[in-house]
């Protein structure tokens, strides 16, 4: 189970892995199962015997996607790499979980994702820190992919 802070609200979702081992979120008919509380999410998961990706150790991590949304809205000048990477990855997982189309931006998108990843976990690249410098084309693709993620999350988590 996890929570996301998105569009000014906090929702909880149940996630796990599909038979191919890819992250997926519980849903049905193109909509994700969203819950207003941890307890409601746990109750449904228990009733349906849903396993979780992390073994559900009782710790619920809430991911704040709003800094990335604020950047898309022009309310922030700088991209928050953690929020942008999280929003990107949530969009891809939502698309996979609902069988909706996903466009990761091709080669430019892969470069953007790599830059976000390096900014969040620079030690993977044997750096102490990394601050991406974005080309205009990369910023355009980043906006497109993150905008697509917002649309996917918004359209599949309506109550």
N, C-alpha and C. Protein backbone atom coordinates (compact mmCIF):
# COMPACT_ATOMS: atom_id res chain seq x y z
N UNK A 1 0.86 -1.17 0.00
CA UNK A 1 0.00 0.00 0.00
C UNK A 1 0.90 1.23 0.00
N UNK A 2 0.39 2.26 -0.66
CA UNK A 2 1.11 3.53 -0.72
C UNK A 2 0.09 4.66 -0.80
N UNK A 3 0.55 5.86 -0.59
CA UNK A 3 -0.30 7.03 -0.74
C UNK A 3 0.34 8.00 -1.71
N UNK A 4 -0.50 8.77 -2.40
CA UNK A 4 0.03 9.85 -3.24
C UNK A 4 -0.72 11.14 -2.89
N UNK A 5 0.06 12.19 -2.79
CA UNK A 5 -0.46 13.53 -2.62
C UNK A 5 -0.51 14.13 -4.02
N UNK A 6 -1.73 14.42 -4.50
CA UNK A 6 -1.92 14.80 -5.90
C UNK A 6 -3.18 15.63 -6.00
N UNK A 7 -3.13 16.72 -6.74
CA UNK A 7 -4.31 17.57 -6.93
C UNK A 7 -4.93 18.02 -5.60
N UNK A 8 -4.11 18.26 -4.61
CA UNK A 8 -4.60 18.75 -3.33
C UNK A 8 -5.30 17.72 -2.46
N UNK A 9 -5.13 16.45 -2.77
CA UNK A 9 -5.75 15.42 -1.94
C UNK A 9 -4.78 14.25 -1.77
N UNK A 10 -4.98 13.50 -0.73
CA UNK A 10 -4.19 12.32 -0.45
C UNK A 10 -5.06 11.10 -0.69
N UNK A 11 -4.60 10.20 -1.55
CA UNK A 11 -5.32 8.95 -1.78
C UNK A 11 -4.36 7.79 -1.53
N UNK A 12 -4.94 6.68 -1.16
CA UNK A 12 -4.17 5.47 -0.93
C UNK A 12 -4.49 4.46 -2.01
N UNK A 13 -3.48 3.69 -2.39
CA UNK A 13 -3.62 2.70 -3.45
C UNK A 13 -2.90 1.42 -3.03
N UNK A 14 -3.38 0.32 -3.57
CA UNK A 14 -2.71 -0.95 -3.32
C UNK A 14 -1.92 -1.32 -4.57
N UNK A 15 -0.66 -1.67 -4.38
CA UNK A 15 0.16 -2.04 -5.52
C UNK A 15 0.92 -3.32 -5.22
N UNK A 16 1.36 -3.92 -6.29
CA UNK A 16 2.13 -5.15 -6.20
C UNK A 16 2.83 -5.37 -7.51
N UNK A 17 3.06 -6.62 -7.85
CA UNK A 17 3.71 -6.94 -9.11
C UNK A 17 2.81 -7.83 -9.94
N UNK A 18 2.85 -7.61 -11.24
CA UNK A 18 2.09 -8.48 -12.14
C UNK A 18 2.90 -9.76 -12.38
N UNK A 19 2.36 -10.73 -13.13
CA UNK A 19 3.10 -11.98 -13.35
C UNK A 19 4.48 -11.79 -14.00
N UNK A 20 4.66 -10.69 -14.73
CA UNK A 20 5.95 -10.41 -15.36
C UNK A 20 6.91 -9.70 -14.40
N UNK A 21 6.45 -9.40 -13.20
CA UNK A 21 7.30 -8.73 -12.21
C UNK A 21 7.30 -7.22 -12.29
N UNK A 22 6.44 -6.63 -13.12
CA UNK A 22 6.36 -5.17 -13.25
C UNK A 22 5.40 -4.62 -12.20
N UNK A 23 5.75 -3.45 -11.66
CA UNK A 23 4.86 -2.79 -10.69
C UNK A 23 3.50 -2.56 -11.31
N UNK A 24 2.47 -2.81 -10.53
CA UNK A 24 1.12 -2.51 -10.99
C UNK A 24 0.27 -2.11 -9.79
N UNK A 25 -0.81 -1.43 -10.09
CA UNK A 25 -1.70 -0.87 -9.07
C UNK A 25 -3.06 -1.53 -9.23
N UNK A 26 -3.68 -1.87 -8.11
CA UNK A 26 -4.98 -2.53 -8.16
C UNK A 26 -6.01 -1.61 -8.80
N UNK A 27 -6.77 -2.16 -9.74
CA UNK A 27 -7.79 -1.40 -10.42
C UNK A 27 -8.72 -2.31 -11.18
N UNK A 28 -9.67 -1.67 -11.85
CA UNK A 28 -10.65 -2.42 -12.62
C UNK A 28 -11.25 -1.48 -13.65
N UNK A 29 -11.45 -1.98 -14.86
CA UNK A 29 -12.13 -1.24 -15.93
C UNK A 29 -11.51 0.15 -16.16
N UNK A 30 -10.18 0.21 -16.22
CA UNK A 30 -9.51 1.47 -16.53
C UNK A 30 -9.47 2.47 -15.39
N UNK A 31 -9.91 2.08 -14.21
CA UNK A 31 -9.86 2.96 -13.04
C UNK A 31 -9.06 2.27 -11.94
N UNK A 32 -8.28 3.05 -11.20
CA UNK A 32 -7.54 2.51 -10.08
C UNK A 32 -8.45 2.46 -8.86
N UNK A 33 -8.24 1.49 -8.01
CA UNK A 33 -8.93 1.46 -6.73
C UNK A 33 -8.23 2.48 -5.83
N UNK A 34 -8.93 3.53 -5.46
CA UNK A 34 -8.37 4.54 -4.56
C UNK A 34 -9.17 4.56 -3.28
N UNK A 35 -8.48 4.92 -2.20
CA UNK A 35 -9.08 4.89 -0.88
C UNK A 35 -8.74 6.18 -0.15
N UNK A 36 -9.66 6.64 0.67
CA UNK A 36 -9.48 7.88 1.41
C UNK A 36 -8.63 7.67 2.67
N UNK A 37 -8.45 6.42 3.08
CA UNK A 37 -7.68 6.15 4.29
C UNK A 37 -6.88 4.86 4.14
N UNK A 38 -5.86 4.75 4.98
CA UNK A 38 -5.08 3.51 5.02
C UNK A 38 -5.97 2.34 5.42
N UNK A 39 -6.82 2.57 6.42
CA UNK A 39 -7.68 1.48 6.91
C UNK A 39 -8.61 0.95 5.82
N UNK A 40 -9.19 1.85 5.03
CA UNK A 40 -10.08 1.41 3.96
C UNK A 40 -9.32 0.61 2.91
N UNK A 41 -8.11 1.03 2.61
CA UNK A 41 -7.28 0.32 1.65
C UNK A 41 -6.92 -1.07 2.18
N UNK A 42 -6.50 -1.13 3.43
CA UNK A 42 -6.15 -2.42 4.04
C UNK A 42 -7.35 -3.37 4.09
N UNK A 43 -8.52 -2.82 4.41
CA UNK A 43 -9.71 -3.66 4.49
C UNK A 43 -10.04 -4.29 3.13
N UNK A 44 -9.98 -3.49 2.07
CA UNK A 44 -10.25 -4.03 0.73
C UNK A 44 -9.18 -5.05 0.34
N UNK A 45 -7.93 -4.74 0.62
CA UNK A 45 -6.84 -5.66 0.28
C UNK A 45 -7.01 -6.98 1.01
N UNK A 46 -7.38 -6.91 2.25
CA UNK A 46 -7.60 -8.13 3.03
C UNK A 46 -8.78 -8.92 2.49
N UNK A 47 -9.88 -8.23 2.19
CA UNK A 47 -11.08 -8.90 1.67
C UNK A 47 -10.82 -9.56 0.32
N UNK A 48 -9.94 -8.96 -0.48
CA UNK A 48 -9.66 -9.51 -1.82
C UNK A 48 -8.37 -10.31 -1.88
N UNK A 49 -7.68 -10.42 -0.76
CA UNK A 49 -6.45 -11.21 -0.69
C UNK A 49 -5.37 -10.68 -1.64
N UNK A 50 -5.24 -9.35 -1.70
CA UNK A 50 -4.23 -8.74 -2.55
C UNK A 50 -2.87 -8.78 -1.86
N UNK A 51 -1.85 -9.28 -2.52
CA UNK A 51 -0.49 -9.19 -1.96
C UNK A 51 0.11 -7.82 -2.30
N UNK A 52 1.11 -7.42 -1.57
CA UNK A 52 1.77 -6.15 -1.90
C UNK A 52 3.20 -6.41 -2.32
N UNK A 53 3.78 -5.45 -3.00
CA UNK A 53 5.14 -5.58 -3.51
C UNK A 53 6.15 -5.62 -2.37
N UNK A 54 5.86 -4.96 -1.27
CA UNK A 54 6.83 -4.85 -0.18
C UNK A 54 6.49 -5.73 1.02
N UNK A 55 5.53 -6.61 0.89
CA UNK A 55 5.14 -7.45 1.99
C UNK A 55 4.28 -6.72 3.02
N UNK A 56 3.95 -5.47 2.76
CA UNK A 56 3.14 -4.63 3.63
C UNK A 56 3.60 -4.70 5.08
N UNK A 57 4.74 -4.08 5.33
CA UNK A 57 5.31 -4.08 6.68
C UNK A 57 4.64 -3.08 7.61
N UNK A 58 3.55 -2.51 7.17
CA UNK A 58 2.81 -1.57 8.01
C UNK A 58 3.21 -0.12 7.81
N UNK A 59 4.32 0.13 7.14
CA UNK A 59 4.78 1.49 6.89
C UNK A 59 4.23 1.94 5.54
N UNK A 60 3.46 3.01 5.57
CA UNK A 60 2.87 3.53 4.33
C UNK A 60 3.64 4.77 3.92
N UNK A 61 4.26 4.68 2.76
CA UNK A 61 4.99 5.82 2.23
C UNK A 61 4.04 6.67 1.40
N UNK A 62 4.04 7.96 1.64
CA UNK A 62 3.24 8.89 0.85
C UNK A 62 4.18 9.65 -0.06
N UNK A 63 3.87 9.63 -1.35
CA UNK A 63 4.67 10.32 -2.35
C UNK A 63 3.97 11.62 -2.72
N UNK A 64 4.70 12.72 -2.56
CA UNK A 64 4.14 14.04 -2.85
C UNK A 64 4.46 14.41 -4.30
N UNK A 65 3.44 14.36 -5.15
CA UNK A 65 3.61 14.69 -6.57
C UNK A 65 3.34 16.17 -6.85
N UNK A 66 2.88 16.90 -5.85
CA UNK A 66 2.46 18.28 -6.08
C UNK A 66 3.59 19.24 -6.45
N UNK A 67 4.84 19.07 -5.97
CA UNK A 67 5.88 19.98 -6.46
C UNK A 67 6.08 19.88 -7.98
N UNK A 68 5.94 18.67 -8.54
CA UNK A 68 6.04 18.53 -9.99
C UNK A 68 4.83 19.15 -10.68
N UNK A 69 3.66 18.99 -10.09
CA UNK A 69 2.47 19.63 -10.65
C UNK A 69 2.62 21.15 -10.61
N UNK A 70 3.17 21.67 -9.52
CA UNK A 70 3.38 23.11 -9.42
C UNK A 70 4.34 23.62 -10.49
N UNK A 71 5.38 22.84 -10.81
CA UNK A 71 6.29 23.22 -11.89
C UNK A 71 5.55 23.25 -13.22
N UNK A 72 4.74 22.26 -13.46
CA UNK A 72 3.97 22.23 -14.72
C UNK A 72 3.03 23.43 -14.82
N UNK A 73 2.48 23.87 -13.69
CA UNK A 73 1.55 25.01 -13.66
C UNK A 73 2.26 26.35 -13.70
N UNK A 74 3.60 26.33 -13.63
CA UNK A 74 4.36 27.58 -13.61
C UNK A 74 4.43 28.22 -12.25
N UNK A 75 4.07 27.48 -11.20
CA UNK A 75 4.14 28.01 -9.84
C UNK A 75 5.53 27.84 -9.22
N UNK A 76 6.35 27.03 -9.85
CA UNK A 76 7.73 26.82 -9.42
C UNK A 76 8.63 27.03 -10.62
N UNK A 77 9.75 27.68 -10.41
CA UNK A 77 10.70 27.89 -11.49
C UNK A 77 11.58 26.66 -11.71
N UNK A 78 11.99 26.05 -10.62
CA UNK A 78 12.91 24.91 -10.70
C UNK A 78 12.14 23.60 -10.60
N UNK A 79 12.64 22.62 -11.32
CA UNK A 79 12.07 21.28 -11.27
C UNK A 79 12.55 20.61 -10.00
N UNK A 80 11.64 20.03 -9.24
CA UNK A 80 12.00 19.19 -8.10
C UNK A 80 12.27 17.79 -8.66
N UNK A 81 13.54 17.37 -8.73
CA UNK A 81 13.85 16.10 -9.38
C UNK A 81 13.13 14.90 -8.77
N UNK A 82 13.02 14.86 -7.44
CA UNK A 82 12.35 13.72 -6.80
C UNK A 82 10.87 13.66 -7.19
N UNK A 83 10.19 14.79 -7.09
CA UNK A 83 8.76 14.82 -7.43
C UNK A 83 8.55 14.54 -8.91
N UNK A 84 9.44 15.06 -9.77
CA UNK A 84 9.30 14.83 -11.21
C UNK A 84 9.53 13.36 -11.55
N UNK A 85 10.56 12.76 -10.95
CA UNK A 85 10.82 11.34 -11.19
C UNK A 85 9.66 10.49 -10.68
N UNK A 86 9.15 10.83 -9.50
CA UNK A 86 8.01 10.09 -8.96
C UNK A 86 6.78 10.22 -9.86
N UNK A 87 6.51 11.43 -10.33
CA UNK A 87 5.35 11.64 -11.20
C UNK A 87 5.52 10.85 -12.50
N UNK A 88 6.70 10.88 -13.07
CA UNK A 88 7.00 10.14 -14.29
C UNK A 88 6.73 8.64 -14.06
N UNK A 89 7.31 8.10 -12.99
CA UNK A 89 7.18 6.67 -12.72
C UNK A 89 5.74 6.27 -12.39
N UNK A 90 5.03 7.12 -11.66
CA UNK A 90 3.62 6.84 -11.37
C UNK A 90 2.81 6.81 -12.66
N UNK A 91 3.10 7.75 -13.56
CA UNK A 91 2.39 7.77 -14.84
C UNK A 91 2.59 6.47 -15.61
N UNK A 92 3.84 6.01 -15.66
CA UNK A 92 4.14 4.76 -16.38
C UNK A 92 3.45 3.58 -15.71
N UNK A 93 3.45 3.53 -14.37
CA UNK A 93 2.79 2.42 -13.65
C UNK A 93 1.28 2.46 -13.83
N UNK A 94 0.70 3.65 -13.83
CA UNK A 94 -0.74 3.77 -14.03
C UNK A 94 -1.10 3.31 -15.44
N UNK A 95 -0.33 3.73 -16.43
CA UNK A 95 -0.60 3.31 -17.81
C UNK A 95 -0.53 1.79 -17.91
N UNK A 96 0.50 1.20 -17.34
CA UNK A 96 0.64 -0.25 -17.38
C UNK A 96 -0.53 -0.94 -16.68
N UNK A 97 -0.90 -0.43 -15.51
CA UNK A 97 -1.93 -1.07 -14.69
C UNK A 97 -3.32 -0.97 -15.31
N UNK A 98 -3.55 0.05 -16.12
CA UNK A 98 -4.87 0.27 -16.71
C UNK A 98 -4.90 -0.04 -18.21
N UNK A 99 -3.78 -0.48 -18.74
CA UNK A 99 -3.64 -0.76 -20.18
C UNK A 99 -3.91 0.47 -21.04
N UNK A 100 -3.62 1.65 -20.49
CA UNK A 100 -3.74 2.89 -21.25
C UNK A 100 -2.42 3.18 -21.93
N UNK A 101 -2.44 3.93 -23.04
CA UNK A 101 -1.19 4.20 -23.75
C UNK A 101 -0.23 5.06 -22.93
N UNK A 102 1.06 4.82 -23.15
CA UNK A 102 2.12 5.57 -22.48
C UNK A 102 3.17 5.94 -23.51
N UNK A 103 3.58 7.20 -23.51
CA UNK A 103 4.65 7.67 -24.38
C UNK A 103 5.72 8.26 -23.48
N UNK A 104 6.84 7.56 -23.36
CA UNK A 104 7.93 8.01 -22.50
C UNK A 104 8.86 9.01 -23.15
N UNK A 105 8.50 9.52 -24.33
CA UNK A 105 9.29 10.58 -24.94
C UNK A 105 10.47 10.10 -25.77
N UNK A 106 10.54 8.83 -26.08
CA UNK A 106 11.61 8.31 -26.94
C UNK A 106 12.99 8.49 -26.33
N UNK A 107 13.98 8.69 -27.20
CA UNK A 107 15.37 8.82 -26.75
C UNK A 107 15.56 10.06 -25.88
N UNK A 108 14.91 11.16 -26.24
CA UNK A 108 15.02 12.38 -25.43
C UNK A 108 14.39 12.14 -24.06
N UNK A 109 13.26 11.45 -24.04
CA UNK A 109 12.62 11.11 -22.77
C UNK A 109 13.51 10.23 -21.91
N UNK A 110 14.18 9.26 -22.52
CA UNK A 110 15.08 8.39 -21.76
C UNK A 110 16.21 9.20 -21.13
N UNK A 111 16.72 10.18 -21.87
CA UNK A 111 17.76 11.06 -21.32
C UNK A 111 17.21 11.87 -20.15
N UNK A 112 16.00 12.39 -20.30
CA UNK A 112 15.38 13.17 -19.22
C UNK A 112 15.20 12.30 -17.97
N UNK A 113 14.69 11.09 -18.16
CA UNK A 113 14.49 10.18 -17.02
C UNK A 113 15.82 9.88 -16.35
N UNK A 114 16.87 9.63 -17.15
CA UNK A 114 18.19 9.37 -16.60
C UNK A 114 18.71 10.56 -15.79
N UNK A 115 18.47 11.78 -16.28
CA UNK A 115 18.92 12.97 -15.56
C UNK A 115 18.18 13.12 -14.23
N UNK A 116 16.87 12.87 -14.25
CA UNK A 116 16.11 12.93 -12.99
C UNK A 116 16.62 11.88 -12.02
N UNK A 117 16.84 10.67 -12.51
CA UNK A 117 17.33 9.58 -11.67
C UNK A 117 18.68 9.94 -11.07
N UNK A 118 19.57 10.48 -11.90
CA UNK A 118 20.90 10.86 -11.41
C UNK A 118 20.82 11.97 -10.36
N UNK A 119 19.88 12.88 -10.51
CA UNK A 119 19.72 13.95 -9.53
C UNK A 119 19.21 13.42 -8.19
N UNK A 120 18.40 12.36 -8.24
CA UNK A 120 17.81 11.80 -7.02
C UNK A 120 18.78 10.83 -6.34
N UNK A 121 19.46 10.02 -7.12
CA UNK A 121 20.40 9.03 -6.55
C UNK A 121 21.76 9.13 -7.26
N UNK A 122 22.48 10.24 -7.04
CA UNK A 122 23.73 10.46 -7.77
C UNK A 122 24.81 9.41 -7.49
N UNK A 123 24.77 8.79 -6.32
CA UNK A 123 25.79 7.81 -5.97
C UNK A 123 25.76 6.59 -6.90
N UNK A 124 24.62 6.34 -7.54
CA UNK A 124 24.55 5.25 -8.52
C UNK A 124 25.52 5.53 -9.67
N UNK A 125 25.72 6.80 -9.96
CA UNK A 125 26.63 7.22 -11.03
C UNK A 125 27.99 7.66 -10.49
N UNK A 126 28.27 7.28 -9.23
CA UNK A 126 29.54 7.59 -8.56
C UNK A 126 29.78 9.10 -8.47
N UNK A 127 28.68 9.84 -8.18
CA UNK A 127 28.77 11.29 -7.97
C UNK A 127 28.21 11.60 -6.59
N UNK A 128 28.68 12.69 -6.00
CA UNK A 128 28.12 13.13 -4.72
C UNK A 128 26.80 13.85 -4.92
N UNK A 129 26.70 14.59 -6.01
CA UNK A 129 25.46 15.29 -6.33
C UNK A 129 25.42 15.52 -7.84
N UNK A 130 24.21 15.80 -8.31
CA UNK A 130 24.05 16.07 -9.73
C UNK A 130 22.88 17.03 -9.89
N UNK A 131 23.11 18.11 -10.60
CA UNK A 131 22.06 19.08 -10.91
C UNK A 131 21.91 19.13 -12.43
N UNK A 132 20.80 18.61 -12.93
CA UNK A 132 20.63 18.56 -14.39
C UNK A 132 20.60 19.94 -15.03
N UNK A 133 21.16 20.01 -16.20
CA UNK A 133 21.03 21.18 -17.07
C UNK A 133 20.19 20.70 -18.24
N UNK A 134 19.09 21.41 -18.48
CA UNK A 134 18.11 20.96 -19.47
C UNK A 134 18.19 21.78 -20.74
N UNK A 135 18.15 21.11 -21.87
CA UNK A 135 18.04 21.81 -23.15
C UNK A 135 16.56 22.18 -23.35
N UNK A 136 16.28 23.13 -24.22
CA UNK A 136 14.87 23.46 -24.49
C UNK A 136 14.07 22.24 -24.96
N UNK A 137 14.67 21.40 -25.79
CA UNK A 137 13.97 20.20 -26.27
C UNK A 137 13.68 19.24 -25.11
N UNK A 138 14.64 19.06 -24.22
CA UNK A 138 14.44 18.19 -23.06
C UNK A 138 13.34 18.74 -22.15
N UNK A 139 13.32 20.04 -21.96
CA UNK A 139 12.26 20.64 -21.14
C UNK A 139 10.89 20.41 -21.76
N UNK A 140 10.82 20.52 -23.08
CA UNK A 140 9.55 20.28 -23.78
C UNK A 140 9.09 18.83 -23.58
N UNK A 141 10.00 17.89 -23.75
CA UNK A 141 9.65 16.47 -23.58
C UNK A 141 9.31 16.19 -22.12
N UNK A 142 10.06 16.77 -21.21
CA UNK A 142 9.78 16.59 -19.78
C UNK A 142 8.37 17.08 -19.45
N UNK A 143 8.01 18.24 -19.96
CA UNK A 143 6.65 18.76 -19.74
C UNK A 143 5.60 17.85 -20.36
N UNK A 144 5.87 17.33 -21.55
CA UNK A 144 4.90 16.44 -22.21
C UNK A 144 4.69 15.15 -21.41
N UNK A 145 5.78 14.54 -20.99
CA UNK A 145 5.67 13.26 -20.26
C UNK A 145 5.03 13.48 -18.89
N UNK A 146 5.45 14.51 -18.17
CA UNK A 146 4.84 14.77 -16.86
C UNK A 146 3.38 15.18 -17.01
N UNK A 147 3.06 15.95 -18.04
CA UNK A 147 1.66 16.31 -18.30
C UNK A 147 0.81 15.08 -18.59
N UNK A 148 1.37 14.15 -19.36
CA UNK A 148 0.69 12.89 -19.64
C UNK A 148 0.46 12.12 -18.34
N UNK A 149 1.47 12.11 -17.46
CA UNK A 149 1.33 11.43 -16.17
C UNK A 149 0.21 12.03 -15.34
N UNK A 150 0.14 13.36 -15.30
CA UNK A 150 -0.94 14.03 -14.56
C UNK A 150 -2.28 13.60 -15.13
N UNK A 151 -2.41 13.62 -16.44
CA UNK A 151 -3.68 13.23 -17.06
C UNK A 151 -4.05 11.79 -16.71
N UNK A 152 -3.09 10.86 -16.79
CA UNK A 152 -3.37 9.46 -16.49
C UNK A 152 -3.79 9.28 -15.03
N UNK A 153 -3.06 9.90 -14.13
CA UNK A 153 -3.39 9.74 -12.71
C UNK A 153 -4.75 10.38 -12.42
N UNK A 154 -4.95 11.58 -12.94
CA UNK A 154 -6.21 12.29 -12.69
C UNK A 154 -7.40 11.50 -13.25
N UNK A 155 -7.28 10.98 -14.45
CA UNK A 155 -8.41 10.31 -15.09
C UNK A 155 -8.68 8.91 -14.54
N UNK A 156 -7.71 8.33 -13.83
CA UNK A 156 -7.93 6.98 -13.30
C UNK A 156 -8.14 6.94 -11.79
N UNK A 157 -8.09 8.10 -11.14
CA UNK A 157 -8.29 8.12 -9.68
C UNK A 157 -9.50 8.94 -9.27
N UNK A 158 -10.39 9.20 -10.20
CA UNK A 158 -11.62 9.94 -9.85
C UNK A 158 -12.45 9.13 -8.89
N UNK A 159 -13.13 9.86 -8.04
CA UNK A 159 -14.05 9.17 -7.09
C UNK A 159 -15.45 9.48 -7.48
